[in-house]
Amino acid sequence: QLSISQAGRDYQVAKTAVAQTSDTRDGKVAQL
């Protein structure tokens, strides 16, 4: 049986969100 803590689940959600974001702020770069 495998049990993942709430902190582990939160970490996975945050890791997924960071992976989906762009490394550059395209709007800011275009403006500059």
Full PDB file with SEQRES, HELIX, SHEET, SSBOND, CRYST1, ORIGX, SCALE, CONECT and MASTER records, all heavy atoms in Angstrom:
SEQRES   1 A   32  GLN LEU SER ILE SER GLN ALA GLY ARG ASP TYR GLN VAL          
SEQRES   2 A   32  ALA LYS THR ALA VAL ALA GLN THR SER ASP THR ARG ASP          
SEQRES   3 A   32  GLY LYS VAL ALA GLN LEU                                      
HELIX    1 AA1 GLN A    6  GLN A   20  1                                  15    
HELIX    2 AA2 ASP A   26  GLN A   31  1                                   6    
CRYST1    1.000    1.000    1.000  90.00  90.00  90.00 P 1           1          
ORIGX1      1.000000  0.000000  0.000000        0.00000                         
ORIGX2      0.000000  1.000000  0.000000        0.00000                         
ORIGX3      0.000000  0.000000  1.000000        0.00000                         
SCALE1      1.000000  0.000000  0.000000        0.00000                         
SCALE2      0.000000  1.000000  0.000000        0.00000                         
SCALE3      0.000000  0.000000  1.000000        0.00000                         
ATOM      1  N   GLN A   1       0.840  -1.175   0.000  1.00  0.00           N  
ATOM      2  CA  GLN A   1       0.000   0.000   0.000  1.00  0.00           C  
ATOM      3  C   GLN A   1       0.886   1.239   0.000  1.00  0.00           C  
ATOM      4  O   GLN A   1       1.946   1.252   0.620  1.00  0.00           O  
ATOM      5  CB  GLN A   1      -0.865  -0.078   1.252  1.00  0.00           C  
ATOM      6  CG  GLN A   1      -1.685   1.090   1.580  1.00  0.00           C  
ATOM      7  CD  GLN A   1      -2.531   0.811   2.819  1.00  0.00           C  
ATOM      8  OE1 GLN A   1      -2.307  -0.145   3.535  1.00  0.00           O  
ATOM      9  NE2 GLN A   1      -3.484   1.643   3.075  1.00  0.00           N  
ATOM     10  N   LEU A   2       0.486   2.279  -0.688  1.00  0.00           N  
ATOM     11  CA  LEU A   2       1.241   3.523  -0.779  1.00  0.00           C  
ATOM     12  C   LEU A   2       0.372   4.664  -0.290  1.00  0.00           C  
ATOM     13  O   LEU A   2      -0.785   4.782  -0.676  1.00  0.00           O  
ATOM     14  CB  LEU A   2       1.666   3.787  -2.231  1.00  0.00           C  
ATOM     15  CG  LEU A   2       2.337   5.109  -2.495  1.00  0.00           C  
ATOM     16  CD1 LEU A   2       3.706   5.145  -1.819  1.00  0.00           C  
ATOM     17  CD2 LEU A   2       2.479   5.332  -3.976  1.00  0.00           C  
ATOM     18  N   SER A   3       0.941   5.504   0.562  1.00  0.00           N  
ATOM     19  CA  SER A   3       0.219   6.651   1.080  1.00  0.00           C  
ATOM     20  C   SER A   3       1.089   7.892   0.900  1.00  0.00           C  
ATOM     21  O   SER A   3       2.233   7.916   1.349  1.00  0.00           O  
ATOM     22  CB  SER A   3      -0.096   6.430   2.562  1.00  0.00           C  
ATOM     23  OG  SER A   3      -0.725   7.567   3.084  1.00  0.00           O  
ATOM     24  N   ILE A   4       0.559   8.909   0.231  1.00  0.00           N  
ATOM     25  CA  ILE A   4       1.298  10.146  -0.017  1.00  0.00           C  
ATOM     26  C   ILE A   4       0.717  11.238   0.881  1.00  0.00           C  
ATOM     27  O   ILE A   4      -0.490  11.436   0.932  1.00  0.00           O  
ATOM     28  CB  ILE A   4       1.206  10.553  -1.497  1.00  0.00           C  
ATOM     29  CG1 ILE A   4       1.797   9.449  -2.368  1.00  0.00           C  
ATOM     30  CG2 ILE A   4       1.927  11.867  -1.745  1.00  0.00           C  
ATOM     31  CD1 ILE A   4       1.638   9.665  -3.848  1.00  0.00           C  
ATOM     32  N   SER A   5       1.599  11.951   1.559  1.00  0.00           N  
ATOM     33  CA  SER A   5       1.162  12.990   2.484  1.00  0.00           C  
ATOM     34  C   SER A   5       0.583  14.186   1.728  1.00  0.00           C  
ATOM     35  O   SER A   5       0.786  14.341   0.529  1.00  0.00           O  
ATOM     36  CB  SER A   5       2.333  13.460   3.345  1.00  0.00           C  
ATOM     37  OG  SER A   5       3.274  14.149   2.552  1.00  0.00           O  
ATOM     38  N   GLN A   6      -0.112  15.036   2.447  1.00  0.00           N  
ATOM     39  CA  GLN A   6      -0.680  16.241   1.852  1.00  0.00           C  
ATOM     40  C   GLN A   6       0.432  17.160   1.349  1.00  0.00           C  
ATOM     41  O   GLN A   6       0.312  17.773   0.289  1.00  0.00           O  
ATOM     42  CB  GLN A   6      -1.561  16.978   2.866  1.00  0.00           C  
ATOM     43  CG  GLN A   6      -2.273  18.184   2.285  1.00  0.00           C  
ATOM     44  CD  GLN A   6      -3.227  17.825   1.152  1.00  0.00           C  
ATOM     45  OE1 GLN A   6      -3.955  16.835   1.226  1.00  0.00           O  
ATOM     46  NE2 GLN A   6      -3.230  18.619   0.094  1.00  0.00           N  
ATOM     47  N   ALA A   7       1.532  17.241   2.075  1.00  0.00           N  
ATOM     48  CA  ALA A   7       2.659  18.067   1.644  1.00  0.00           C  
ATOM     49  C   ALA A   7       3.230  17.538   0.322  1.00  0.00           C  
ATOM     50  O   ALA A   7       3.592  18.317  -0.557  1.00  0.00           O  
ATOM     51  CB  ALA A   7       3.744  18.089   2.712  1.00  0.00           C  
ATOM     52  N   GLY A   8       3.287  16.231   0.171  1.00  0.00           N  
ATOM     53  CA  GLY A   8       3.754  15.633  -1.071  1.00  0.00           C  
ATOM     54  C   GLY A   8       2.828  15.941  -2.234  1.00  0.00           C  
ATOM     55  O   GLY A   8       3.276  16.226  -3.351  1.00  0.00           O  
ATOM     56  N   ARG A   9       1.519  15.902  -1.985  1.00  0.00           N  
ATOM     57  CA  ARG A   9       0.551  16.233  -3.027  1.00  0.00           C  
ATOM     58  C   ARG A   9       0.660  17.705  -3.426  1.00  0.00           C  
ATOM     59  O   ARG A   9       0.620  18.055  -4.602  1.00  0.00           O  
ATOM     60  CB  ARG A   9      -0.872  15.913  -2.568  1.00  0.00           C  
ATOM     61  CG  ARG A   9      -1.170  14.423  -2.615  1.00  0.00           C  
ATOM     62  CD  ARG A   9      -2.637  14.141  -2.312  1.00  0.00           C  
ATOM     63  NE  ARG A   9      -2.590  13.127  -1.280  1.00  0.00           N  
ATOM     64  CZ  ARG A   9      -3.201  13.167  -0.111  1.00  0.00           C  
ATOM     65  NH1 ARG A   9      -3.973  14.174   0.195  1.00  0.00           N  
ATOM     66  NH2 ARG A   9      -3.075  12.204   0.761  1.00  0.00           N  
ATOM     67  N   ASP A  10       0.804  18.588  -2.414  1.00  0.00           N  
ATOM     68  CA  ASP A  10       0.960  20.021  -2.689  1.00  0.00           C  
ATOM     69  C   ASP A  10       2.222  20.279  -3.498  1.00  0.00           C  
ATOM     70  O   ASP A  10       2.228  21.097  -4.414  1.00  0.00           O  
ATOM     71  CB  ASP A  10       1.001  20.813  -1.388  1.00  0.00           C  
ATOM     72  CG  ASP A  10      -0.321  20.783  -0.646  1.00  0.00           C  
ATOM     73  OD1 ASP A  10      -1.354  20.445  -1.264  1.00  0.00           O  
ATOM     74  OD2 ASP A  10      -0.319  21.110   0.564  1.00  0.00           O  
ATOM     75  N   TYR A  11       3.303  19.589  -3.161  1.00  0.00           N  
ATOM     76  CA  TYR A  11       4.556  19.737  -3.897  1.00  0.00           C  
ATOM     77  C   TYR A  11       4.372  19.324  -5.348  1.00  0.00           C  
ATOM     78  O   TYR A  11       4.857  19.994  -6.254  1.00  0.00           O  
ATOM     79  CB  TYR A  11       5.649  18.890  -3.236  1.00  0.00           C  
ATOM     80  CG  TYR A  11       6.938  18.874  -4.009  1.00  0.00           C  
ATOM     81  CD1 TYR A  11       7.805  19.955  -3.969  1.00  0.00           C  
ATOM     82  CD2 TYR A  11       7.285  17.781  -4.792  1.00  0.00           C  
ATOM     83  CE1 TYR A  11       8.982  19.943  -4.692  1.00  0.00           C  
ATOM     84  CE2 TYR A  11       8.458  17.764  -5.516  1.00  0.00           C  
ATOM     85  CZ  TYR A  11       9.307  18.851  -5.458  1.00  0.00           C  
ATOM     86  OH  TYR A  11      10.466  18.838  -6.174  1.00  0.00           O  
ATOM     87  N   GLN A  12       3.663  18.250  -5.592  1.00  0.00           N  
ATOM     88  CA  GLN A  12       3.445  17.772  -6.963  1.00  0.00           C  
ATOM     89  C   GLN A  12       2.612  18.768  -7.758  1.00  0.00           C  
ATOM     90  O   GLN A  12       2.894  19.025  -8.931  1.00  0.00           O  
ATOM     91  CB  GLN A  12       2.768  16.397  -6.952  1.00  0.00           C  
ATOM     92  CG  GLN A  12       2.645  15.778  -8.324  1.00  0.00           C  
ATOM     93  CD  GLN A  12       3.990  15.522  -8.968  1.00  0.00           C  
ATOM     94  OE1 GLN A  12       4.948  15.160  -8.317  1.00  0.00           O  
ATOM     95  NE2 GLN A  12       4.066  15.729 -10.269  1.00  0.00           N  
ATOM     96  N   VAL A  13       1.600  19.366  -7.130  1.00  0.00           N  
ATOM     97  CA  VAL A  13       0.771  20.361  -7.812  1.00  0.00           C  
ATOM     98  C   VAL A  13       1.619  21.583  -8.180  1.00  0.00           C  
ATOM     99  O   VAL A  13       1.550  22.093  -9.296  1.00  0.00           O  
ATOM    100  CB  VAL A  13      -0.430  20.764  -6.929  1.00  0.00           C  
ATOM    101  CG1 VAL A  13      -1.134  21.990  -7.470  1.00  0.00           C  
ATOM    102  CG2 VAL A  13      -1.408  19.608  -6.815  1.00  0.00           C  
ATOM    103  N   ALA A  14       2.445  22.040  -7.227  1.00  0.00           N  
ATOM    104  CA  ALA A  14       3.305  23.195  -7.482  1.00  0.00           C  
ATOM    105  C   ALA A  14       4.325  22.890  -8.576  1.00  0.00           C  
ATOM    106  O   ALA A  14       4.587  23.717  -9.451  1.00  0.00           O  
ATOM    107  CB  ALA A  14       4.017  23.616  -6.198  1.00  0.00           C  
ATOM    108  N   LYS A  15       4.885  21.699  -8.545  1.00  0.00           N  
ATOM    109  CA  LYS A  15       5.875  21.300  -9.555  1.00  0.00           C  
ATOM    110  C   LYS A  15       5.244  21.268 -10.942  1.00  0.00           C  
ATOM    111  O   LYS A  15       5.838  21.721 -11.921  1.00  0.00           O  
ATOM    112  CB  LYS A  15       6.433  19.925  -9.189  1.00  0.00           C  
ATOM    113  CG  LYS A  15       7.518  19.432 -10.098  1.00  0.00           C  
ATOM    114  CD  LYS A  15       8.041  18.092  -9.635  1.00  0.00           C  
ATOM    115  CE  LYS A  15       9.014  17.516 -10.630  1.00  0.00           C  
ATOM    116  NZ  LYS A  15       9.458  16.179 -10.255  1.00  0.00           N  
ATOM    117  N   THR A  16       4.032  20.788 -11.048  1.00  0.00           N  
ATOM    118  CA  THR A  16       3.323  20.739 -12.321  1.00  0.00           C  
ATOM    119  C   THR A  16       3.022  22.153 -12.819  1.00  0.00           C  
ATOM    120  O   THR A  16       3.197  22.449 -14.004  1.00  0.00           O  
ATOM    121  CB  THR A  16       2.017  19.938 -12.185  1.00  0.00           C  
ATOM    122  OG1 THR A  16       2.335  18.630 -11.709  1.00  0.00           O  
ATOM    123  CG2 THR A  16       1.292  19.826 -13.499  1.00  0.00           C  
ATOM    124  N   ALA A  17       2.607  23.043 -11.911  1.00  0.00           N  
ATOM    125  CA  ALA A  17       2.298  24.420 -12.298  1.00  0.00           C  
ATOM    126  C   ALA A  17       3.545  25.140 -12.797  1.00  0.00           C  
ATOM    127  O   ALA A  17       3.494  25.871 -13.793  1.00  0.00           O  
ATOM    128  CB  ALA A  17       1.695  25.167 -11.111  1.00  0.00           C  
ATOM    129  N   VAL A  18       4.661  24.935 -12.139  1.00  0.00           N  
ATOM    130  CA  VAL A  18       5.911  25.572 -12.564  1.00  0.00           C  
ATOM    131  C   VAL A  18       6.357  25.021 -13.912  1.00  0.00           C  
ATOM    132  O   VAL A  18       6.838  25.766 -14.770  1.00  0.00           O  
ATOM    133  CB  VAL A  18       7.011  25.380 -11.494  1.00  0.00           C  
ATOM    134  CG1 VAL A  18       8.372  25.758 -12.019  1.00  0.00           C  
ATOM    135  CG2 VAL A  18       6.680  26.185 -10.250  1.00  0.00           C  
ATOM    136  N   ALA A  19       6.186  23.738 -14.129  1.00  0.00           N  
ATOM    137  CA  ALA A  19       6.590  23.132 -15.398  1.00  0.00           C  
ATOM    138  C   ALA A  19       5.752  23.659 -16.560  1.00  0.00           C  
ATOM    139  O   ALA A  19       6.235  23.720 -17.692  1.00  0.00           O  
ATOM    140  CB  ALA A  19       6.476  21.618 -15.310  1.00  0.00           C  
ATOM    141  N   GLN A  20       4.524  24.061 -16.293  1.00  0.00           N  
ATOM    142  CA  GLN A  20       3.638  24.526 -17.357  1.00  0.00           C  
ATOM    143  C   GLN A  20       3.824  26.005 -17.675  1.00  0.00           C  
ATOM    144  O   GLN A  20       3.339  26.471 -18.702  1.00  0.00           O  
ATOM    145  CB  GLN A  20       2.181  24.257 -16.986  1.00  0.00           C  
ATOM    146  CG  GLN A  20       1.843  22.787 -16.971  1.00  0.00           C  
ATOM    147  CD  GLN A  20       0.432  22.519 -16.486  1.00  0.00           C  
ATOM    148  OE1 GLN A  20      -0.242  23.414 -15.997  1.00  0.00           O  
ATOM    149  NE2 GLN A  20      -0.009  21.284 -16.609  1.00  0.00           N  
ATOM    150  N   THR A  21       4.499  26.755 -16.815  1.00  0.00           N  
ATOM    151  CA  THR A  21       4.694  28.179 -17.070  1.00  0.00           C  
ATOM    152  C   THR A  21       5.907  28.400 -17.951  1.00  0.00           C  
ATOM    153  O   THR A  21       6.837  27.596 -17.986  1.00  0.00           O  
ATOM    154  CB  THR A  21       4.880  28.964 -15.752  1.00  0.00           C  
ATOM    155  OG1 THR A  21       6.013  28.454 -15.064  1.00  0.00           O  
ATOM    156  CG2 THR A  21       3.660  28.892 -14.886  1.00  0.00           C  
ATOM    157  N   SER A  22       5.901  29.522 -18.648  1.00  0.00           N  
ATOM    158  CA  SER A  22       6.997  29.867 -19.538  1.00  0.00           C  
ATOM    159  C   SER A  22       8.176  30.413 -18.730  1.00  0.00           C  
ATOM    160  O   SER A  22       7.997  31.016 -17.677  1.00  0.00           O  
ATOM    161  CB  SER A  22       6.523  30.927 -20.534  1.00  0.00           C  
ATOM    162  OG  SER A  22       7.597  31.348 -21.340  1.00  0.00           O  
ATOM    163  N   ASP A  23       9.385  30.206 -19.247  1.00  0.00           N  
ATOM    164  CA  ASP A  23      10.572  30.726 -18.579  1.00  0.00           C  
ATOM    165  C   ASP A  23      10.721  32.229 -18.768  1.00  0.00           C  
ATOM    166  O   ASP A  23      11.415  32.892 -18.015  1.00  0.00           O  
ATOM    167  CB  ASP A  23      11.830  30.023 -19.102  1.00  0.00           C  
ATOM    168  CG  ASP A  23      11.924  28.578 -18.641  1.00  0.00           C  
ATOM    169  OD1 ASP A  23      11.252  28.231 -17.660  1.00  0.00           O  
ATOM    170  OD2 ASP A  23      12.671  27.814 -19.273  1.00  0.00           O  
ATOM    171  N   THR A  24      10.101  32.776 -19.796  1.00  0.00           N  
ATOM    172  CA  THR A  24      10.181  34.210 -20.057  1.00  0.00           C  
ATOM    173  C   THR A  24       8.795  34.817 -20.009  1.00  0.00           C  
ATOM    174  O   THR A  24       7.790  34.147 -20.266  1.00  0.00           O  
ATOM    175  CB  THR A  24      10.795  34.497 -21.438  1.00  0.00           C  
ATOM    176  OG1 THR A  24       9.990  33.871 -22.430  1.00  0.00           O  
ATOM    177  CG2 THR A  24      12.214  33.980 -21.527  1.00  0.00           C  
ATOM    178  N   ARG A  25       8.753  36.092 -19.667  1.00  0.00           N  
ATOM    179  CA  ARG A  25       7.491  36.828 -19.686  1.00  0.00           C  
ATOM    180  C   ARG A  25       7.373  37.464 -21.065  1.00  0.00           C  
ATOM    181  O   ARG A  25       7.905  38.546 -21.314  1.00  0.00           O  
ATOM    182  CB  ARG A  25       7.463  37.866 -18.573  1.00  0.00           C  
ATOM    183  CG  ARG A  25       7.487  37.211 -17.188  1.00  0.00           C  
ATOM    184  CD  ARG A  25       7.378  38.207 -16.097  1.00  0.00           C  
ATOM    185  NE  ARG A  25       8.612  38.989 -16.029  1.00  0.00           N  
ATOM    186  CZ  ARG A  25       8.774  40.060 -15.261  1.00  0.00           C  
ATOM    187  NH1 ARG A  25       7.789  40.478 -14.501  1.00  0.00           N  
ATOM    188  NH2 ARG A  25       9.920  40.712 -15.260  1.00  0.00           N  
ATOM    189  N   ASP A  26       6.678  36.781 -21.952  1.00  0.00           N  
ATOM    190  CA  ASP A  26       6.608  37.177 -23.356  1.00  0.00           C  
ATOM    191  C   ASP A  26       6.048  38.579 -23.542  1.00  0.00           C  
ATOM    192  O   ASP A  26       6.524  39.343 -24.386  1.00  0.00           O  
ATOM    193  CB  ASP A  26       5.788  36.160 -24.154  1.00  0.00           C  
ATOM    194  CG  ASP A  26       6.457  34.790 -24.190  1.00  0.00           C  
ATOM    195  OD1 ASP A  26       7.694  34.741 -24.184  1.00  0.00           O  
ATOM    196  OD2 ASP A  26       5.728  33.777 -24.226  1.00  0.00           O  
ATOM    197  N   GLY A  27       5.047  38.950 -22.765  1.00  0.00           N  
ATOM    198  CA  GLY A  27       4.459  40.286 -22.872  1.00  0.00           C  
ATOM    199  C   GLY A  27       5.459  41.369 -22.518  1.00  0.00           C  
ATOM    200  O   GLY A  27       5.564  42.399 -23.203  1.00  0.00           O  
ATOM    201  N   LYS A  28       6.208  41.134 -21.449  1.00  0.00           N  
ATOM    202  CA  LYS A  28       7.214  42.104 -21.014  1.00  0.00           C  
ATOM    203  C   LYS A  28       8.340  42.221 -22.037  1.00  0.00           C  
ATOM    204  O   LYS A  28       8.790  43.321 -22.354  1.00  0.00           O  
ATOM    205  CB  LYS A  28       7.774  41.666 -19.655  1.00  0.00           C  
ATOM    206  CG  LYS A  28       8.735  42.596 -19.025  1.00  0.00           C  
ATOM    207  CD  LYS A  28       8.011  43.746 -18.378  1.00  0.00           C  
ATOM    208  CE  LYS A  28       8.977  44.545 -17.514  1.00  0.00           C  
ATOM    209  NZ  LYS A  28       8.374  45.752 -17.019  1.00  0.00           N  
ATOM    210  N   VAL A  29       8.784  41.082 -22.575  1.00  0.00           N  
ATOM    211  CA  VAL A  29       9.852  41.083 -23.576  1.00  0.00           C  
ATOM    212  C   VAL A  29       9.397  41.827 -24.833  1.00  0.00           C  
ATOM    213  O   VAL A  29      10.147  42.643 -25.394  1.00  0.00           O  
ATOM    214  CB  VAL A  29      10.290  39.640 -23.913  1.00  0.00           C  
ATOM    215  CG1 VAL A  29      11.225  39.615 -25.107  1.00  0.00           C  
ATOM    216  CG2 VAL A  29      10.943  38.997 -22.708  1.00  0.00           C  
ATOM    217  N   ALA A  30       8.170  41.579 -25.279  1.00  0.00           N  
ATOM    218  CA  ALA A  30       7.651  42.249 -26.473  1.00  0.00           C  
ATOM    219  C   ALA A  30       7.561  43.756 -26.252  1.00  0.00           C  
ATOM    220  O   ALA A  30       7.902  44.555 -27.136  1.00  0.00           O  
ATOM    221  CB  ALA A  30       6.281  41.681 -26.850  1.00  0.00           C  
ATOM    222  N   GLN A  31       7.127  44.170 -25.059  1.00  0.00           N  
ATOM    223  CA  GLN A  31       7.027  45.597 -24.740  1.00  0.00           C  
ATOM    224  C   GLN A  31       8.411  46.253 -24.769  1.00  0.00           C  
ATOM    225  O   GLN A  31       8.581  47.322 -25.347  1.00  0.00           O  
ATOM    226  CB  GLN A  31       6.386  45.771 -23.361  1.00  0.00           C  
ATOM    227  CG  GLN A  31       6.259  47.210 -22.923  1.00  0.00           C  
ATOM    228  CD  GLN A  31       5.776  47.335 -21.485  1.00  0.00           C  
ATOM    229  OE1 GLN A  31       5.728  46.345 -20.749  1.00  0.00           O  
ATOM    230  NE2 GLN A  31       5.406  48.531 -21.091  1.00  0.00           N  
ATOM    231  N   LEU A  32       9.395  45.606 -24.159  1.00  0.00           N  
ATOM    232  CA  LEU A  32      10.751  46.161 -24.147  1.00  0.00           C  
ATOM    233  C   LEU A  32      11.350  46.214 -25.548  1.00  0.00           C  
ATOM    234  O   LEU A  32      12.022  47.186 -25.901  1.00  0.00           O  
ATOM    235  CB  LEU A  32      11.649  45.361 -23.204  1.00  0.00           C  
ATOM    236  CG  LEU A  32      11.343  45.520 -21.715  1.00  0.00           C  
ATOM    237  CD1 LEU A  32      12.162  44.539 -20.894  1.00  0.00           C  
ATOM    238  CD2 LEU A  32      11.598  46.944 -21.264  1.00  0.00           C  
TER     239      LEU A  32                                                      
MASTER        0    0    0    2    0    0    0    6  238    1    0    3          
END                                                                             
